Amino acid sequence: MARGSHKVNPVIFRMTVNKIWDSRWFASDKSVYIENLKQDFEIRKIVTKDLAAAGVAKIVIDRGIKKVFLSVYVARPGVAIGRNGVGISNLKEKLEKKFKMTFEIKLYEVKKPEACAALIAEAIAEQCERRVAPKIAVQKVLESVKNIPEVKGISIWVRGRIKGVDMARVEKYSEGFVPRHSIRADIDYAFVEARVPRAGKHGIKVWVNLGERNTYVL
């Protein structure tokens, strides 16, 4: 009997080859591991929501003794910091109050947001939520990446009741070459859900091929 194919997250598939974990800590036992994992999920949710206007691309969590170090990669650091640093200090205060730990937050600017899968997916999701047709939103993205030499290819899938039709379908768009099975390929991947008025949830997947790389960057 034939077996179905197994779909693997492109980032997990390349872990330790040219990707590294975004949560970097060790747990003394299973219960601590579970608690830390839950906290990481909540931390990411809060940071992503509070800094949404800054365009959050990635959040790296390092844990020390009674202290959590956050490295937040954003498209617009100035927006995240806020006037006189109020934005980032308010976020720090909120996290410390909720988790009863000390937080240190560092912001890093994403140099080329047009080549970042997470930011691309978020941009398409925002357009879809404004009732812009996925095809139009995606075409803008494809045009913007054509002149970026680092991007060797991009693939975008939009799944849902597109244009409010009764049956869900998948629309696929691509430009250039995106290898799925080459471990050396540096593939940036993101998945985002958009809540579209009168059309329900749309799932948006983005793969960006950034060439080949045999080492990961911390």
Protein backbone atom coordinates (compact mmCIF):
# COMPACT_ATOMS: atom_id res chain seq x y z
CA MET A 1 0.00 0.00 0.00
CA ALA A 2 1.39 3.39 -0.97
CA ARG A 3 2.25 5.78 1.83
CA GLY A 4 1.34 9.44 1.79
CA SER A 5 4.08 12.04 1.66
CA HIS A 6 5.34 13.60 4.90
CA LYS A 7 5.33 17.41 5.00
CA VAL A 8 8.25 18.76 7.02
CA ASN A 9 8.75 22.34 8.16
CA PRO A 10 11.54 23.74 5.91
CA VAL A 11 13.31 25.36 8.88
CA ILE A 12 13.27 22.20 11.04
CA PHE A 13 14.49 20.18 8.04
CA ARG A 14 17.65 22.34 7.89
CA MET A 15 18.23 22.68 11.63
CA THR A 16 21.95 22.81 12.59
CA VAL A 17 22.91 22.85 8.88
CA ASN A 18 22.09 26.50 8.15
CA LYS A 19 19.36 27.13 10.76
CA ILE A 20 19.45 27.32 14.54
CA TRP A 21 16.76 27.21 17.25
CA ASP A 22 14.99 30.44 18.24
CA SER A 23 14.64 29.21 21.85
CA ARG A 24 18.08 28.60 23.36
CA TRP A 25 18.05 27.12 26.84
CA PHE A 26 18.31 23.85 28.77
CA ALA A 27 15.80 22.44 31.26
CA SER A 28 16.70 20.39 34.35
CA ASP A 29 13.66 18.12 34.01
CA LYS A 30 10.51 17.55 31.96
CA SER A 31 8.25 19.78 34.07
CA VAL A 32 10.64 22.74 33.73
CA TYR A 33 10.90 22.10 29.99
CA ILE A 34 7.11 22.16 29.61
CA GLU A 35 6.78 25.34 31.67
CA ASN A 36 9.54 27.11 29.72
CA LEU A 37 7.99 26.08 26.43
CA LYS A 38 4.60 27.48 27.47
CA GLN A 39 6.23 30.71 28.59
CA ASP A 40 8.13 31.03 25.30
CA PHE A 41 4.86 30.71 23.39
CA GLU A 42 3.21 33.41 25.52
CA ILE A 43 6.25 35.70 25.33
CA ARG A 44 6.30 35.51 21.53
CA LYS A 45 2.56 36.18 21.40
CA ILE A 46 2.83 39.30 23.61
CA VAL A 47 5.91 40.70 21.85
CA THR A 48 4.47 40.11 18.37
CA LYS A 49 1.19 41.80 19.32
CA ASP A 50 2.75 44.80 21.11
CA LEU A 51 5.35 45.44 18.40
CA ALA A 52 3.11 44.60 15.43
CA ALA A 53 3.46 48.12 14.00
CA ALA A 54 7.25 47.67 13.92
CA GLY A 55 7.04 44.49 11.81
CA VAL A 56 8.37 41.59 13.88
CA ALA A 57 10.44 39.15 11.82
CA LYS A 58 11.96 36.92 14.51
CA ILE A 59 12.19 36.57 18.29
CA VAL A 60 15.13 34.71 19.85
CA ILE A 61 14.79 33.69 23.51
CA ASP A 62 17.82 32.96 25.71
CA ARG A 63 17.33 32.07 29.37
CA GLY A 64 19.66 32.65 32.29
CA ILE A 65 19.05 32.27 36.02
CA LYS A 66 15.98 34.39 36.80
CA LYS A 67 16.59 36.41 33.64
CA VAL A 68 15.32 36.16 30.07
CA PHE A 69 17.19 37.72 27.14
CA LEU A 70 15.09 38.63 24.09
CA SER A 71 16.58 39.44 20.69
CA VAL A 72 13.79 40.92 18.59
CA TYR A 73 14.34 41.45 14.86
CA VAL A 74 12.06 44.14 13.42
CA ALA A 75 11.65 46.09 10.19
CA ARG A 76 11.20 49.45 11.96
CA PRO A 77 13.20 49.68 15.25
CA GLY A 78 12.23 53.32 15.81
CA VAL A 79 8.55 52.38 15.97
CA ALA A 80 9.30 49.58 18.45
CA ILE A 81 11.37 51.81 20.72
CA GLY A 82 8.78 54.58 20.76
CA ARG A 83 9.24 58.17 21.85
CA ASN A 84 11.90 58.38 24.59
CA GLY A 85 12.02 54.58 24.70
CA VAL A 86 8.49 54.30 26.11
CA GLY A 87 7.43 51.49 23.77
CA ILE A 88 10.16 49.04 24.70
CA SER A 89 10.11 49.96 28.42
CA ASN A 90 6.35 49.35 28.58
CA LEU A 91 6.81 45.95 26.95
CA LYS A 92 9.60 45.05 29.40
CA GLU A 93 7.42 46.07 32.35
CA LYS A 94 4.48 44.02 31.07
CA LEU A 95 6.60 40.88 30.62
CA GLU A 96 8.27 41.20 34.03
CA LYS A 97 4.92 41.68 35.75
CA LYS A 98 3.38 38.65 34.05
CA PHE A 99 6.26 36.18 34.33
CA LYS A 100 7.91 37.44 37.55
CA MET A 101 11.35 37.45 35.92
CA THR A 102 13.84 40.06 34.74
CA PHE A 103 13.82 40.71 31.00
CA GLU A 104 16.49 42.24 28.79
CA ILE A 105 15.26 43.21 25.33
CA LYS A 106 17.53 44.04 22.40
CA LEU A 107 16.23 45.20 19.04
CA TYR A 108 17.86 44.42 15.70
CA GLU A 109 16.89 45.91 12.37
CA VAL A 110 16.04 43.61 9.48
CA LYS A 111 18.19 45.04 6.70
CA LYS A 112 16.09 43.72 3.82
CA PRO A 113 12.45 43.26 4.94
CA GLU A 114 11.45 42.53 1.33
CA ALA A 115 13.46 39.27 1.57
CA CYS A 116 12.06 38.16 4.96
CA ALA A 117 9.40 35.43 4.77
CA ALA A 118 7.70 36.47 8.04
CA LEU A 119 7.34 40.10 6.99
CA ILE A 120 6.17 39.12 3.51
CA ALA A 121 3.50 36.81 4.95
CA GLU A 122 2.33 39.51 7.39
CA ALA A 123 2.11 42.08 4.59
CA ILE A 124 -0.02 39.74 2.46
CA ALA A 125 -2.22 38.91 5.47
CA GLU A 126 -2.83 42.61 6.15
CA GLN A 127 -3.84 43.15 2.52
CA CYS A 128 -6.21 40.17 2.58
CA GLU A 129 -7.84 41.43 5.79
CA ARG A 130 -8.55 44.69 3.94
CA ARG A 131 -10.39 42.64 1.29
CA VAL A 132 -7.62 43.01 -1.30
CA ALA A 133 -7.60 39.97 -3.60
CA PRO A 134 -4.70 37.60 -2.76
CA LYS A 135 -3.52 37.67 -6.37
CA ILE A 136 -3.06 41.46 -6.28
CA ALA A 137 -1.33 41.37 -2.87
CA VAL A 138 1.04 38.61 -3.98
CA GLN A 139 1.89 40.23 -7.31
CA LYS A 140 3.15 43.32 -5.44
CA VAL A 141 5.46 41.09 -3.41
CA LEU A 142 6.76 39.23 -6.45
CA GLU A 143 7.55 42.51 -8.18
CA SER A 144 9.40 43.86 -5.12
CA VAL A 145 11.73 40.83 -4.78
CA LYS A 146 12.77 40.72 -8.45
CA ASN A 147 15.54 43.27 -7.92
CA ILE A 148 16.96 41.74 -4.73
CA PRO A 149 20.07 39.71 -5.70
CA GLU A 150 20.01 37.66 -2.46
CA VAL A 151 16.59 36.22 -3.34
CA LYS A 152 16.98 33.33 -5.78
CA GLY A 153 13.30 32.44 -5.70
CA ILE A 154 10.05 32.81 -3.79
CA SER A 155 6.95 30.66 -3.45
CA ILE A 156 3.66 31.81 -1.90
CA TRP A 157 0.55 29.75 -1.14
CA VAL A 158 -2.77 31.24 -0.06
CA ARG A 159 -5.40 28.78 1.20
CA GLY A 160 -9.00 29.56 2.17
CA ARG A 161 -12.39 30.65 0.91
CA ILE A 162 -10.80 33.12 -1.47
CA LYS A 163 -13.17 35.93 -2.52
CA GLY A 164 -15.76 34.43 -0.17
CA VAL A 165 -16.56 31.35 -2.27
CA ASP A 166 -18.20 28.36 -0.53
CA MET A 167 -15.35 25.91 -1.10
CA ALA A 168 -11.79 26.55 0.09
CA ARG A 169 -8.95 26.29 -2.42
CA VAL A 170 -5.23 26.97 -2.70
CA GLU A 171 -3.73 29.61 -4.94
CA LYS A 172 0.00 29.14 -5.62
CA TYR A 173 2.41 31.77 -6.89
CA SER A 174 6.14 31.61 -7.52
CA GLU A 175 9.08 33.47 -8.97
CA GLY A 176 12.52 31.97 -9.56
CA PHE A 177 13.59 28.63 -8.04
CA VAL A 178 12.76 27.32 -4.55
CA PRO A 179 14.27 23.85 -3.84
CA ARG A 180 12.30 21.82 -1.29
CA HIS A 181 14.68 18.87 -0.75
CA SER A 182 18.16 20.43 -0.76
CA ILE A 183 19.38 20.76 2.84
CA ARG A 184 22.08 23.26 1.82
CA ALA A 185 19.46 25.64 0.44
CA ASP A 186 18.90 28.56 2.82
CA ILE A 187 15.10 28.65 2.86
CA ASP A 188 13.33 31.27 4.95
CA TYR A 189 9.79 30.07 5.74
CA ALA A 190 6.76 31.60 7.45
CA PHE A 191 3.10 30.78 8.00
CA VAL A 192 0.50 33.39 8.94
CA GLU A 193 -3.28 33.33 9.26
CA ALA A 194 -5.44 36.21 8.05
CA ARG A 195 -9.00 36.80 9.25
CA VAL A 196 -10.83 37.99 6.16
CA PRO A 197 -14.28 39.60 6.59
CA ARG A 198 -17.05 37.32 5.23
CA ALA A 199 -14.45 34.82 3.99
CA GLY A 200 -13.09 33.27 7.21
CA LYS A 201 -9.45 32.41 7.82
CA HIS A 202 -6.86 32.42 5.05
CA GLY A 203 -3.60 30.52 5.58
CA ILE A 204 -0.56 32.14 3.97
CA LYS A 205 2.71 30.24 3.48
CA VAL A 206 5.87 31.87 2.18
CA TRP A 207 9.16 30.23 1.14
CA VAL A 208 12.12 32.46 0.22
CA ASN A 209 15.25 30.93 -1.33
CA LEU A 210 18.33 32.87 -0.20
CA GLY A 211 20.85 30.67 -2.00
CA GLU A 212 23.07 27.98 -0.47
CA ARG A 213 24.68 28.12 2.97
CA ASN A 214 26.39 25.41 5.02
CA THR A 215 26.63 27.30 8.32
CA TYR A 216 24.06 28.91 10.58
CA VAL A 217 24.16 32.43 12.01
CA LEU A 218 23.57 32.89 15.75
